[in-house]
Amino acid sequence: MGVFTYESEFASVIAPPRLFKAFVLDADNLIPKIAPQAVKSAEIVEGDGGVGTIKKIHLGEGSEYSYVKHQINGLDKDKFVYK
């Protein structure tokens, strides 16, 4: 098992609430549609989508792994924070 940290900051003409909703809150539905070769699907294994939730993300063909598990450790929709 490995732990990965990813941090990114960029400028956009799209408002922060809309970006956060698309890339974080709706990512399970959006990413498989825009990048089906990378992500086939995502499912919640445990939890309700909030802090403590564990997701299983099924990766596309040709990936080294068939899936990865992801745990949500922090979520603040007002401050746009996702850990």
PDB file of N, CA and C in Angstrom:
ATOM      1  N   MET A   1       0.850  -1.170   0.000  1.00  0.00           N
ATOM      2  CA  MET A   1       0.000   0.000   0.000  1.00  0.00           C
ATOM      3  C   MET A   1       0.890   1.225   0.000  1.00  0.00           C
ATOM      4  N   GLY A   2       0.475   2.253  -0.704  1.00  0.00           N
ATOM      5  CA  GLY A   2       1.237   3.489  -0.753  1.00  0.00           C
ATOM      6  C   GLY A   2       0.339   4.670  -0.471  1.00  0.00           C
ATOM      7  N   VAL A   3       0.951   5.731  -0.027  1.00  0.00           N
ATOM      8  CA  VAL A   3       0.221   6.963   0.234  1.00  0.00           C
ATOM      9  C   VAL A   3       0.754   8.013  -0.723  1.00  0.00           C
ATOM     10  N   PHE A   4      -0.147   8.655  -1.441  1.00  0.00           N
ATOM     11  CA  PHE A   4       0.237   9.679  -2.392  1.00  0.00           C
ATOM     12  C   PHE A   4      -0.399  10.998  -2.000  1.00  0.00           C
ATOM     13  N   THR A   5       0.342  12.062  -2.126  1.00  0.00           N
ATOM     14  CA  THR A   5      -0.187  13.392  -1.883  1.00  0.00           C
ATOM     15  C   THR A   5      -0.076  14.178  -3.170  1.00  0.00           C
ATOM     16  N   TYR A   6      -1.143  14.849  -3.524  1.00  0.00           N
ATOM     17  CA  TYR A   6      -1.157  15.645  -4.739  1.00  0.00           C
ATOM     18  C   TYR A   6      -1.698  17.013  -4.384  1.00  0.00           C
ATOM     19  N   GLU A   7      -0.950  18.035  -4.717  1.00  0.00           N
ATOM     20  CA  GLU A   7      -1.379  19.401  -4.448  1.00  0.00           C
ATOM     21  C   GLU A   7      -1.243  20.193  -5.731  1.00  0.00           C
ATOM     22  N   SER A   8      -2.269  20.966  -6.046  1.00  0.00           N
ATOM     23  CA  SER A   8      -2.247  21.712  -7.292  1.00  0.00           C
ATOM     24  C   SER A   8      -2.912  23.059  -7.106  1.00  0.00           C
ATOM     25  N   GLU A   9      -2.361  24.062  -7.768  1.00  0.00           N
ATOM     26  CA  GLU A   9      -2.952  25.395  -7.738  1.00  0.00           C
ATOM     27  C   GLU A   9      -2.842  25.973  -9.140  1.00  0.00           C
ATOM     28  N   PHE A  10      -3.952  26.511  -9.638  1.00  0.00           N
ATOM     29  CA  PHE A  10      -3.930  27.095 -10.967  1.00  0.00           C
ATOM     30  C   PHE A  10      -4.987  28.180 -11.079  1.00  0.00           C
ATOM     31  N   ALA A  11      -4.814  29.058 -12.037  1.00  0.00           N
ATOM     32  CA  ALA A  11      -5.763  30.144 -12.277  1.00  0.00           C
ATOM     33  C   ALA A  11      -6.782  29.690 -13.321  1.00  0.00           C
ATOM     34  N   SER A  12      -8.022  30.149 -13.156  1.00  0.00           N
ATOM     35  CA  SER A  12      -9.078  29.774 -14.081  1.00  0.00           C
ATOM     36  C   SER A  12     -10.106  30.890 -14.161  1.00  0.00           C
ATOM     37  N   VAL A  13     -10.742  31.014 -15.318  1.00  0.00           N
ATOM     38  CA  VAL A  13     -11.824  31.989 -15.477  1.00  0.00           C
ATOM     39  C   VAL A  13     -13.140  31.432 -14.920  1.00  0.00           C
ATOM     40  N   ILE A  14     -13.167  30.138 -14.630  1.00  0.00           N
ATOM     41  CA  ILE A  14     -14.360  29.502 -14.060  1.00  0.00           C
ATOM     42  C   ILE A  14     -14.374  29.743 -12.560  1.00  0.00           C
ATOM     43  N   ALA A  15     -15.525  30.060 -12.023  1.00  0.00           N
ATOM     44  CA  ALA A  15     -15.667  30.374 -10.600  1.00  0.00           C
ATOM     45  C   ALA A  15     -15.295  29.173  -9.725  1.00  0.00           C
ATOM     46  N   PRO A  16     -14.637  29.415  -8.585  1.00  0.00           N
ATOM     47  CA  PRO A  16     -14.223  28.323  -7.692  1.00  0.00           C
ATOM     48  C   PRO A  16     -15.344  27.365  -7.288  1.00  0.00           C
ATOM     49  N   PRO A  17     -16.555  27.846  -6.954  1.00  0.00           N
ATOM     50  CA  PRO A  17     -17.605  26.880  -6.574  1.00  0.00           C
ATOM     51  C   PRO A  17     -17.937  25.897  -7.702  1.00  0.00           C
ATOM     52  N   ARG A  18     -17.935  26.386  -8.934  1.00  0.00           N
ATOM     53  CA  ARG A  18     -18.252  25.514 -10.068  1.00  0.00           C
ATOM     54  C   ARG A  18     -17.140  24.495 -10.319  1.00  0.00           C
ATOM     55  N   LEU A  19     -15.884  24.923 -10.223  1.00  0.00           N
ATOM     56  CA  LEU A  19     -14.754  24.003 -10.391  1.00  0.00           C
ATOM     57  C   LEU A  19     -14.734  22.947  -9.296  1.00  0.00           C
ATOM     58  N   PHE A  20     -14.944  23.370  -8.051  1.00  0.00           N
ATOM     59  CA  PHE A  20     -14.933  22.437  -6.928  1.00  0.00           C
ATOM     60  C   PHE A  20     -16.031  21.394  -7.093  1.00  0.00           C
ATOM     61  N   LYS A  21     -17.212  21.845  -7.494  1.00  0.00           N
ATOM     62  CA  LYS A  21     -18.329  20.923  -7.700  1.00  0.00           C
ATOM     63  C   LYS A  21     -17.991  19.894  -8.783  1.00  0.00           C
ATOM     64  N   ALA A  22     -17.412  20.345  -9.893  1.00  0.00           N
ATOM     65  CA  ALA A  22     -17.100  19.443 -11.002  1.00  0.00           C
ATOM     66  C   ALA A  22     -15.960  18.491 -10.670  1.00  0.00           C
ATOM     67  N   PHE A  23     -14.835  19.028 -10.190  1.00  0.00           N
ATOM     68  CA  PHE A  23     -13.643  18.209  -9.982  1.00  0.00           C
ATOM     69  C   PHE A  23     -13.636  17.401  -8.695  1.00  0.00           C
ATOM     70  N   VAL A  24     -14.440  17.800  -7.716  1.00  0.00           N
ATOM     71  CA  VAL A  24     -14.449  17.081  -6.435  1.00  0.00           C
ATOM     72  C   VAL A  24     -15.788  16.402  -6.190  1.00  0.00           C
ATOM     73  N   LEU A  25     -16.847  17.174  -6.131  1.00  0.00           N
ATOM     74  CA  LEU A  25     -18.137  16.616  -5.743  1.00  0.00           C
ATOM     75  C   LEU A  25     -18.763  15.725  -6.827  1.00  0.00           C
ATOM     76  N   ASP A  26     -18.584  16.061  -8.103  1.00  0.00           N
ATOM     77  CA  ASP A  26     -19.160  15.279  -9.199  1.00  0.00           C
ATOM     78  C   ASP A  26     -18.118  14.455  -9.952  1.00  0.00           C
ATOM     79  N   ALA A  27     -16.916  14.355  -9.428  1.00  0.00           N
ATOM     80  CA  ALA A  27     -15.814  13.684 -10.125  1.00  0.00           C
ATOM     81  C   ALA A  27     -16.119  12.216 -10.442  1.00  0.00           C
ATOM     82  N   ASP A  28     -16.828  11.528  -9.561  1.00  0.00           N
ATOM     83  CA  ASP A  28     -17.123  10.105  -9.783  1.00  0.00           C
ATOM     84  C   ASP A  28     -17.935   9.887 -11.060  1.00  0.00           C
ATOM     85  N   ASN A  29     -18.752  10.846 -11.431  1.00  0.00           N
ATOM     86  CA  ASN A  29     -19.544  10.753 -12.660  1.00  0.00           C
ATOM     87  C   ASN A  29     -18.844  11.421 -13.844  1.00  0.00           C
ATOM     88  N   LEU A  30     -18.161  12.527 -13.591  1.00  0.00           N
ATOM     89  CA  LEU A  30     -17.568  13.320 -14.662  1.00  0.00           C
ATOM     90  C   LEU A  30     -16.302  12.704 -15.255  1.00  0.00           C
ATOM     91  N   ILE A  31     -15.371  12.271 -14.429  1.00  0.00           N
ATOM     92  CA  ILE A  31     -14.070  11.780 -14.910  1.00  0.00           C
ATOM     93  C   ILE A  31     -14.223  10.557 -15.833  1.00  0.00           C
ATOM     94  N   PRO A  32     -15.036   9.553 -15.496  1.00  0.00           N
ATOM     95  CA  PRO A  32     -15.188   8.425 -16.434  1.00  0.00           C
ATOM     96  C   PRO A  32     -15.754   8.840 -17.797  1.00  0.00           C
ATOM     97  N   LYS A  33     -16.503   9.941 -17.841  1.00  0.00           N
ATOM     98  CA  LYS A  33     -17.064  10.407 -19.112  1.00  0.00           C
ATOM     99  C   LYS A  33     -16.033  11.157 -19.952  1.00  0.00           C
ATOM    100  N   ILE A  34     -15.180  11.950 -19.294  1.00  0.00           N
ATOM    101  CA  ILE A  34     -14.215  12.741 -20.060  1.00  0.00           C
ATOM    102  C   ILE A  34     -12.889  12.019 -20.274  1.00  0.00           C
ATOM    103  N   ALA A  35     -12.604  11.002 -19.473  1.00  0.00           N
ATOM    104  CA  ALA A  35     -11.356  10.240 -19.629  1.00  0.00           C
ATOM    105  C   ALA A  35     -11.612   8.752 -19.398  1.00  0.00           C
ATOM    106  N   PRO A  36     -12.458   8.123 -20.230  1.00  0.00           N
ATOM    107  CA  PRO A  36     -12.801   6.714 -20.015  1.00  0.00           C
ATOM    108  C   PRO A  36     -11.613   5.763 -20.174  1.00  0.00           C
ATOM    109  N   GLN A  37     -10.589   6.186 -20.890  1.00  0.00           N
ATOM    110  CA  GLN A  37      -9.402   5.351 -21.034  1.00  0.00           C
ATOM    111  C   GLN A  37      -8.597   5.304 -19.729  1.00  0.00           C
ATOM    112  N   ALA A  38      -8.767   6.286 -18.862  1.00  0.00           N
ATOM    113  CA  ALA A  38      -8.034   6.340 -17.600  1.00  0.00           C
ATOM    114  C   ALA A  38      -8.852   5.804 -16.426  1.00  0.00           C
ATOM    115  N   VAL A  39     -10.129   6.164 -16.359  1.00  0.00           N
ATOM    116  CA  VAL A  39     -10.991   5.765 -15.242  1.00  0.00           C
ATOM    117  C   VAL A  39     -12.277   5.186 -15.803  1.00  0.00           C
ATOM    118  N   LYS A  40     -12.542   3.920 -15.469  1.00  0.00           N
ATOM    119  CA  LYS A  40     -13.773   3.269 -15.927  1.00  0.00           C
ATOM    120  C   LYS A  40     -14.967   3.700 -15.091  1.00  0.00           C
ATOM    121  N   SER A  41     -14.801   3.642 -13.755  1.00  0.00           N
ATOM    122  CA  SER A  41     -15.903   3.966 -12.859  1.00  0.00           C
ATOM    123  C   SER A  41     -15.378   4.160 -11.445  1.00  0.00           C
ATOM    124  N   ALA A  42     -16.255   4.659 -10.594  1.00  0.00           N
ATOM    125  CA  ALA A  42     -15.938   4.830  -9.182  1.00  0.00           C
ATOM    126  C   ALA A  42     -17.159   4.425  -8.371  1.00  0.00           C
ATOM    127  N   GLU A  43     -16.909   3.779  -7.262  1.00  0.00           N
ATOM    128  CA  GLU A  43     -18.009   3.355  -6.401  1.00  0.00           C
ATOM    129  C   GLU A  43     -17.645   3.601  -4.944  1.00  0.00           C
ATOM    130  N   ILE A  44     -18.655   3.896  -4.148  1.00  0.00           N
ATOM    131  CA  ILE A  44     -18.441   4.070  -2.713  1.00  0.00           C
ATOM    132  C   ILE A  44     -18.494   2.694  -2.070  1.00  0.00           C
ATOM    133  N   VAL A  45     -17.415   2.343  -1.377  1.00  0.00           N
ATOM    134  CA  VAL A  45     -17.321   1.055  -0.699  1.00  0.00           C
ATOM    135  C   VAL A  45     -17.864   1.173   0.716  1.00  0.00           C
ATOM    136  N   GLU A  46     -17.576   2.312   1.344  1.00  0.00           N
ATOM    137  CA  GLU A  46     -17.981   2.525   2.730  1.00  0.00           C
ATOM    138  C   GLU A  46     -18.203   4.009   2.953  1.00  0.00           C
ATOM    139  N   GLY A  47     -19.297   4.365   3.605  1.00  0.00           N
ATOM    140  CA  GLY A  47     -19.557   5.759   3.933  1.00  0.00           C
ATOM    141  C   GLY A  47     -20.672   6.369   3.107  1.00  0.00           C
ATOM    142  N   ASP A  48     -20.841   7.686   3.297  1.00  0.00           N
ATOM    143  CA  ASP A  48     -21.933   8.409   2.647  1.00  0.00           C
ATOM    144  C   ASP A  48     -21.445   9.500   1.697  1.00  0.00           C
ATOM    145  N   GLY A  49     -20.173   9.508   1.391  1.00  0.00           N
ATOM    146  CA  GLY A  49     -19.617  10.524   0.506  1.00  0.00           C
ATOM    147  C   GLY A  49     -18.905  11.639   1.250  1.00  0.00           C
ATOM    148  N   GLY A  50     -19.027  11.647   2.560  1.00  0.00           N
ATOM    149  CA  GLY A  50     -18.366  12.664   3.379  1.00  0.00           C
ATOM    150  C   GLY A  50     -17.049  12.154   3.941  1.00  0.00           C
ATOM    151  N   VAL A  51     -16.585  12.808   4.987  1.00  0.00           N
ATOM    152  CA  VAL A  51     -15.330  12.421   5.628  1.00  0.00           C
ATOM    153  C   VAL A  51     -15.410  10.973   6.108  1.00  0.00           C
ATOM    154  N   GLY A  52     -14.348  10.215   5.839  1.00  0.00           N
ATOM    155  CA  GLY A  52     -14.290   8.810   6.219  1.00  0.00           C
ATOM    156  C   GLY A  52     -14.739   7.855   5.116  1.00  0.00           C
ATOM    157  N   THR A  53     -15.316   8.387   4.060  1.00  0.00           N
ATOM    158  CA  THR A  53     -15.779   7.553   2.951  1.00  0.00           C
ATOM    159  C   THR A  53     -14.596   6.910   2.233  1.00  0.00           C
ATOM    160  N   ILE A  54     -14.774   5.664   1.850  1.00  0.00           N
ATOM    161  CA  ILE A  54     -13.770   4.949   1.063  1.00  0.00           C
ATOM    162  C   ILE A  54     -14.376   4.652  -0.298  1.00  0.00           C
ATOM    163  N   LYS A  55     -13.648   5.056  -1.360  1.00  0.00           N
ATOM    164  CA  LYS A  55     -14.095   4.832  -2.733  1.00  0.00           C
ATOM    165  C   LYS A  55     -13.156   3.853  -3.425  1.00  0.00           C
ATOM    166  N   LYS A  56     -13.719   3.061  -4.322  1.00  0.00           N
ATOM    167  CA  LYS A  56     -12.938   2.161  -5.161  1.00  0.00           C
ATOM    168  C   LYS A  56     -13.041   2.691  -6.581  1.00  0.00           C
ATOM    169  N   ILE A  57     -11.892   3.080  -7.143  1.00  0.00           N
ATOM    170  CA  ILE A  57     -11.846   3.670  -8.474  1.00  0.00           C
ATOM    171  C   ILE A  57     -11.266   2.648  -9.435  1.00  0.00           C
ATOM    172  N   HIS A  58     -12.080   2.210 -10.399  1.00  0.00           N
ATOM    173  CA  HIS A  58     -11.669   1.213 -11.383  1.00  0.00           C
ATOM    174  C   HIS A  58     -10.959   1.916 -12.533  1.00  0.00           C
ATOM    175  N   LEU A  59      -9.719   1.523 -12.787  1.00  0.00           N
ATOM    176  CA  LEU A  59      -8.892   2.170 -13.796  1.00  0.00           C
ATOM    177  C   LEU A  59      -9.072   1.527 -15.164  1.00  0.00           C
ATOM    178  N   GLY A  60      -8.687   2.263 -16.196  1.00  0.00           N
ATOM    179  CA  GLY A  60      -8.851   1.819 -17.574  1.00  0.00           C
ATOM    180  C   GLY A  60      -7.878   0.735 -17.974  1.00  0.00           C
ATOM    181  N   GLU A  61      -8.129   0.171 -19.148  1.00  0.00           N
ATOM    182  CA  GLU A  61      -7.267  -0.863 -19.721  1.00  0.00           C
ATOM    183  C   GLU A  61      -5.858  -0.305 -19.909  1.00  0.00           C
ATOM    184  N   GLY A  62      -4.883  -1.147 -19.707  1.00  0.00           N
ATOM    185  CA  GLY A  62      -3.499  -0.726 -19.882  1.00  0.00           C
ATOM    186  C   GLY A  62      -2.883  -0.122 -18.646  1.00  0.00           C
ATOM    187  N   SER A  63      -3.676   0.102 -17.627  1.00  0.00           N
ATOM    188  CA  SER A  63      -3.133   0.629 -16.374  1.00  0.00           C
ATOM    189  C   SER A  63      -2.399  -0.485 -15.639  1.00  0.00           C
ATOM    190  N   GLU A  64      -1.421  -0.104 -14.866  1.00  0.00           N
ATOM    191  CA  GLU A  64      -0.656  -1.086 -14.093  1.00  0.00           C
ATOM    192  C   GLU A  64      -1.542  -1.780 -13.052  1.00  0.00           C
ATOM    193  N   TYR A  65      -2.538  -1.065 -12.556  1.00  0.00           N
ATOM    194  CA  TYR A  65      -3.456  -1.600 -11.537  1.00  0.00           C
ATOM    195  C   TYR A  65      -4.874  -1.608 -12.090  1.00  0.00           C
ATOM    196  N   SER A  66      -5.704  -2.495 -11.577  1.00  0.00           N
ATOM    197  CA  SER A  66      -7.088  -2.542 -12.036  1.00  0.00           C
ATOM    198  C   SER A  66      -7.971  -1.559 -11.256  1.00  0.00           C
ATOM    199  N   TYR A  67      -7.572  -1.255 -10.028  1.00  0.00           N
ATOM    200  CA  TYR A  67      -8.325  -0.289  -9.224  1.00  0.00           C
ATOM    201  C   TYR A  67      -7.430   0.301  -8.136  1.00  0.00           C
ATOM    202  N   VAL A  68      -7.891   1.404  -7.570  1.00  0.00           N
ATOM    203  CA  VAL A  68      -7.251   2.004  -6.400  1.00  0.00           C
ATOM    204  C   VAL A  68      -8.353   2.329  -5.409  1.00  0.00           C
ATOM    205  N   LYS A  69      -7.995   2.346  -4.138  1.00  0.00           N
ATOM    206  CA  LYS A  69      -8.945   2.761  -3.111  1.00  0.00           C
ATOM    207  C   LYS A  69      -8.540   4.137  -2.628  1.00  0.00           C
ATOM    208  N   HIS A  70      -9.543   4.952  -2.341  1.00  0.00           N
ATOM    209  CA  HIS A  70      -9.325   6.343  -1.964  1.00  0.00           C
ATOM    210  C   HIS A  70     -10.182   6.652  -0.743  1.00  0.00           C
ATOM    211  N   GLN A  71      -9.578   7.240   0.295  1.00  0.00           N
ATOM    212  CA  GLN A  71     -10.320   7.606   1.496  1.00  0.00           C
ATOM    213  C   GLN A  71     -10.380   9.118   1.612  1.00  0.00           C
ATOM    214  N   ILE A  72     -11.557   9.638   1.897  1.00  0.00           N
ATOM    215  CA  ILE A  72     -11.739  11.077   2.089  1.00  0.00           C
ATOM    216  C   ILE A  72     -11.445  11.398   3.552  1.00  0.00           C
ATOM    217  N   ASN A  73     -10.427  12.217   3.779  1.00  0.00           N
ATOM    218  CA  ASN A  73     -10.033  12.576   5.144  1.00  0.00           C
ATOM    219  C   ASN A  73     -10.515  13.954   5.556  1.00  0.00           C
ATOM    220  N   GLY A  74     -10.889  14.773   4.606  1.00  0.00           N
ATOM    221  CA  GLY A  74     -11.391  16.108   4.922  1.00  0.00           C
ATOM    222  C   GLY A  74     -12.193  16.659   3.767  1.00  0.00           C
ATOM    223  N   LEU A  75     -13.300  17.345   4.086  1.00  0.00           N
ATOM    224  CA  LEU A  75     -14.148  17.936   3.057  1.00  0.00           C
ATOM    225  C   LEU A  75     -14.805  19.176   3.633  1.00  0.00           C
ATOM    226  N   ASP A  76     -14.501  20.336   3.052  1.00  0.00           N
ATOM    227  CA  ASP A  76     -15.111  21.595   3.462  1.00  0.00           C
ATOM    228  C   ASP A  76     -15.600  22.285   2.193  1.00  0.00           C
ATOM    229  N   LYS A  77     -16.891  22.183   1.938  1.00  0.00           N
ATOM    230  CA  LYS A  77     -17.468  22.722   0.710  1.00  0.00           C
ATOM    231  C   LYS A  77     -17.440  24.242   0.678  1.00  0.00           C
ATOM    232  N   ASP A  78     -17.467  24.884   1.846  1.00  0.00           N
ATOM    233  CA  ASP A  78     -17.455  26.345   1.901  1.00  0.00           C
ATOM    234  C   ASP A  78     -16.083  26.932   1.595  1.00  0.00           C
ATOM    235  N   LYS A  79     -15.025  26.237   2.015  1.00  0.00           N
ATOM    236  CA  LYS A  79     -13.645  26.713   1.792  1.00  0.00           C
ATOM    237  C   LYS A  79     -12.977  26.002   0.624  1.00  0.00           C
ATOM    238  N   PHE A  80     -13.707  25.106  -0.040  1.00  0.00           N
ATOM    239  CA  PHE A  80     -13.205  24.353  -1.191  1.00  0.00           C
ATOM    240  C   PHE A  80     -11.967  23.529  -0.829  1.00  0.00           C
ATOM    241  N   VAL A  81     -12.058  22.773   0.261  1.00  0.00           N
ATOM    242  CA  VAL A  81     -10.953  21.940   0.733  1.00  0.00           C
ATOM    243  C   VAL A  81     -11.371  20.484   0.625  1.00  0.00           C
ATOM    244  N   TYR A  82     -10.475  19.669   0.068  1.00  0.00           N
ATOM    245  CA  TYR A  82     -10.720  18.235  -0.090  1.00  0.00           C
ATOM    246  C   TYR A  82      -9.418  17.502   0.209  1.00  0.00           C
ATOM    247  N   LYS A  83      -9.455  16.593   1.177  1.00  0.00           N
ATOM    248  CA  LYS A  83      -8.263  15.836   1.544  1.00  0.00           C
ATOM    249  C   LYS A  83      -8.579  14.356   1.468  1.00  0.00           C
TER     250      LYS A  83
END
